Amino acid sequence: MKAQMFDMTRMWGMVTGLVLAIAYFASLYLGFKASEMLPMLVTAIGGFEMFLFSQDVWIKRKRKHG
């Protein structure tokens, strides 16, 4: 059950990051002034997802090589 909850946390993180990125680029496209915190949130969530992805790759590689 713990794995499912962690996977759902990752899924919500991914969806939140995508929604924030879309909101940021939409505000730039439409000419609205975006909050200065919005790009920082997008990069923080993106960094979190990149870390988890690289951790998954590392764990899968480790299983294959010993």
N, C-alpha and C. Protein backbone atom coordinates (compact mmCIF):
# COMPACT_ATOMS: atom_id res chain seq x y z
N MET A 1 0.82 -1.20 0.00
CA MET A 1 0.00 0.00 0.00
C MET A 1 0.87 1.26 0.00
N LYS A 2 2.03 1.18 0.61
CA LYS A 2 2.90 2.35 0.64
C LYS A 2 3.35 2.74 -0.76
N ALA A 3 3.63 1.74 -1.60
CA ALA A 3 4.08 2.04 -2.96
C ALA A 3 2.99 2.77 -3.74
N GLN A 4 1.74 2.38 -3.55
CA GLN A 4 0.66 3.05 -4.26
C GLN A 4 0.54 4.51 -3.83
N MET A 5 0.69 4.78 -2.55
CA MET A 5 0.58 6.15 -2.08
C MET A 5 1.73 6.99 -2.62
N PHE A 6 2.93 6.42 -2.68
CA PHE A 6 4.08 7.14 -3.21
C PHE A 6 3.89 7.40 -4.71
N ASP A 7 3.36 6.41 -5.44
CA ASP A 7 3.09 6.61 -6.86
C ASP A 7 2.04 7.69 -7.08
N MET A 8 1.03 7.74 -6.23
CA MET A 8 0.01 8.78 -6.36
C MET A 8 0.60 10.16 -6.05
N THR A 9 1.51 10.22 -5.09
CA THR A 9 2.18 11.49 -4.80
C THR A 9 2.97 11.96 -6.01
N ARG A 10 3.66 11.03 -6.66
CA ARG A 10 4.40 11.38 -7.86
C ARG A 10 3.46 11.83 -8.97
N MET A 11 2.33 11.17 -9.09
CA MET A 11 1.37 11.53 -10.13
C MET A 11 0.82 12.94 -9.89
N TRP A 12 0.46 13.24 -8.65
CA TRP A 12 -0.04 14.59 -8.32
C TRP A 12 1.04 15.64 -8.53
N GLY A 13 2.30 15.29 -8.22
CA GLY A 13 3.40 16.22 -8.47
C GLY A 13 3.56 16.51 -9.95
N MET A 14 3.45 15.47 -10.77
CA MET A 14 3.58 15.65 -12.21
C MET A 14 2.44 16.51 -12.76
N VAL A 15 1.22 16.20 -12.35
CA VAL A 15 0.06 16.96 -12.84
C VAL A 15 0.14 18.42 -12.39
N THR A 16 0.53 18.62 -11.13
CA THR A 16 0.65 19.99 -10.62
C THR A 16 1.71 20.77 -11.38
N GLY A 17 2.84 20.13 -11.64
CA GLY A 17 3.90 20.79 -12.41
C GLY A 17 3.46 21.15 -13.81
N LEU A 18 2.76 20.24 -14.47
CA LEU A 18 2.27 20.53 -15.81
C LEU A 18 1.26 21.66 -15.82
N VAL A 19 0.35 21.66 -14.87
CA VAL A 19 -0.65 22.72 -14.80
C VAL A 19 0.02 24.07 -14.53
N LEU A 20 0.99 24.10 -13.63
CA LEU A 20 1.69 25.36 -13.35
C LEU A 20 2.48 25.84 -14.55
N ALA A 21 3.14 24.92 -15.26
CA ALA A 21 3.90 25.31 -16.46
C ALA A 21 2.97 25.85 -17.54
N ILE A 22 1.84 25.19 -17.74
CA ILE A 22 0.87 25.66 -18.73
C ILE A 22 0.33 27.03 -18.33
N ALA A 23 0.05 27.22 -17.04
CA ALA A 23 -0.44 28.52 -16.57
C ALA A 23 0.59 29.61 -16.79
N TYR A 24 1.85 29.28 -16.55
CA TYR A 24 2.91 30.28 -16.73
C TYR A 24 3.03 30.70 -18.20
N PHE A 25 3.12 29.70 -19.09
CA PHE A 25 3.28 30.03 -20.50
C PHE A 25 2.02 30.66 -21.08
N ALA A 26 0.87 30.28 -20.58
CA ALA A 26 -0.37 30.92 -21.03
C ALA A 26 -0.41 32.38 -20.61
N SER A 27 0.04 32.66 -19.39
CA SER A 27 0.04 34.06 -18.94
C SER A 27 1.03 34.89 -19.75
N LEU A 28 2.16 34.30 -20.13
CA LEU A 28 3.11 35.03 -20.99
C LEU A 28 2.51 35.26 -22.38
N TYR A 29 1.87 34.25 -22.91
CA TYR A 29 1.27 34.34 -24.24
C TYR A 29 0.15 35.37 -24.28
N LEU A 30 -0.66 35.40 -23.23
CA LEU A 30 -1.80 36.31 -23.20
C LEU A 30 -1.44 37.71 -22.72
N GLY A 31 -0.20 37.89 -22.29
CA GLY A 31 0.25 39.22 -21.90
C GLY A 31 0.01 39.58 -20.46
N PHE A 32 -0.39 38.63 -19.63
CA PHE A 32 -0.57 38.89 -18.21
C PHE A 32 0.76 38.84 -17.50
N LYS A 33 0.84 39.57 -16.40
CA LYS A 33 2.07 39.52 -15.60
C LYS A 33 1.98 38.32 -14.67
N ALA A 34 2.89 37.38 -14.86
CA ALA A 34 2.89 36.17 -14.03
C ALA A 34 3.59 36.47 -12.72
N SER A 35 3.19 35.75 -11.70
CA SER A 35 3.84 35.88 -10.40
C SER A 35 5.29 35.43 -10.51
N GLU A 36 6.17 36.07 -9.75
CA GLU A 36 7.58 35.69 -9.78
C GLU A 36 7.80 34.33 -9.13
N MET A 37 6.85 33.90 -8.32
CA MET A 37 6.99 32.62 -7.65
C MET A 37 6.63 31.45 -8.57
N LEU A 38 5.84 31.69 -9.60
CA LEU A 38 5.38 30.62 -10.47
C LEU A 38 6.51 29.87 -11.17
N PRO A 39 7.49 30.55 -11.80
CA PRO A 39 8.59 29.79 -12.42
C PRO A 39 9.41 29.02 -11.39
N MET A 40 9.54 29.55 -10.18
CA MET A 40 10.28 28.82 -9.15
C MET A 40 9.55 27.55 -8.74
N LEU A 41 8.23 27.61 -8.66
CA LEU A 41 7.45 26.42 -8.35
C LEU A 41 7.58 25.37 -9.45
N VAL A 42 7.52 25.82 -10.69
CA VAL A 42 7.64 24.90 -11.82
C VAL A 42 9.01 24.22 -11.80
N THR A 43 10.07 24.97 -11.57
CA THR A 43 11.41 24.36 -11.55
C THR A 43 11.60 23.46 -10.34
N ALA A 44 11.02 23.81 -9.21
CA ALA A 44 11.15 22.95 -8.02
C ALA A 44 10.44 21.63 -8.24
N ILE A 45 9.24 21.67 -8.78
CA ILE A 45 8.51 20.43 -9.03
C ILE A 45 9.18 19.64 -10.15
N GLY A 46 9.67 20.33 -11.16
CA GLY A 46 10.40 19.65 -12.24
C GLY A 46 11.67 18.98 -11.73
N GLY A 47 12.38 19.66 -10.84
CA GLY A 47 13.59 19.07 -10.25
C GLY A 47 13.26 17.85 -9.42
N PHE A 48 12.18 17.91 -8.69
CA PHE A 48 11.73 16.77 -7.89
C PHE A 48 11.43 15.58 -8.79
N GLU A 49 10.72 15.82 -9.88
CA GLU A 49 10.39 14.74 -10.80
C GLU A 49 11.63 14.20 -11.50
N MET A 50 12.57 15.08 -11.87
CA MET A 50 13.81 14.61 -12.49
C MET A 50 14.62 13.76 -11.53
N PHE A 51 14.66 14.13 -10.27
CA PHE A 51 15.36 13.34 -9.26
C PHE A 51 14.74 11.96 -9.13
N LEU A 52 13.41 11.89 -9.04
CA LEU A 52 12.75 10.60 -8.90
C LEU A 52 12.93 9.74 -10.14
N PHE A 53 12.91 10.35 -11.31
CA PHE A 53 13.14 9.59 -12.54
C PHE A 53 14.54 9.01 -12.57
N SER A 54 15.54 9.84 -12.25
CA SER A 54 16.92 9.34 -12.25
C SER A 54 17.12 8.28 -11.17
N GLN A 55 16.44 8.41 -10.06
CA GLN A 55 16.53 7.40 -9.01
C GLN A 55 15.95 6.08 -9.50
N ASP A 56 14.83 6.12 -10.21
CA ASP A 56 14.25 4.90 -10.78
C ASP A 56 15.19 4.25 -11.78
N VAL A 57 15.82 5.05 -12.65
CA VAL A 57 16.77 4.51 -13.62
C VAL A 57 17.94 3.87 -12.90
N TRP A 58 18.45 4.52 -11.86
CA TRP A 58 19.58 3.99 -11.11
C TRP A 58 19.22 2.67 -10.44
N ILE A 59 18.05 2.58 -9.86
CA ILE A 59 17.63 1.36 -9.18
C ILE A 59 17.45 0.23 -10.19
N LYS A 60 16.85 0.51 -11.34
CA LYS A 60 16.67 -0.53 -12.36
C LYS A 60 18.02 -1.00 -12.89
N ARG A 61 18.96 -0.08 -13.07
CA ARG A 61 20.29 -0.45 -13.55
C ARG A 61 21.02 -1.29 -12.51
N LYS A 62 20.86 -0.93 -11.26
CA LYS A 62 21.52 -1.64 -10.16
C LYS A 62 21.01 -3.08 -10.08
N ARG A 63 19.72 -3.27 -10.31
CA ARG A 63 19.14 -4.64 -10.27
C ARG A 63 19.69 -5.50 -11.38
N LYS A 64 19.93 -4.92 -12.57
CA LYS A 64 20.43 -5.70 -13.70
C LYS A 64 21.90 -6.08 -13.54
N HIS A 65 22.67 -5.23 -12.86
CA HIS A 65 24.11 -5.44 -12.76
C HIS A 65 24.54 -5.97 -11.40
N GLY A 66 23.66 -6.49 -10.66
CA GLY A 66 24.13 -7.09 -9.41
C GLY A 66 23.28 -6.76 -8.28
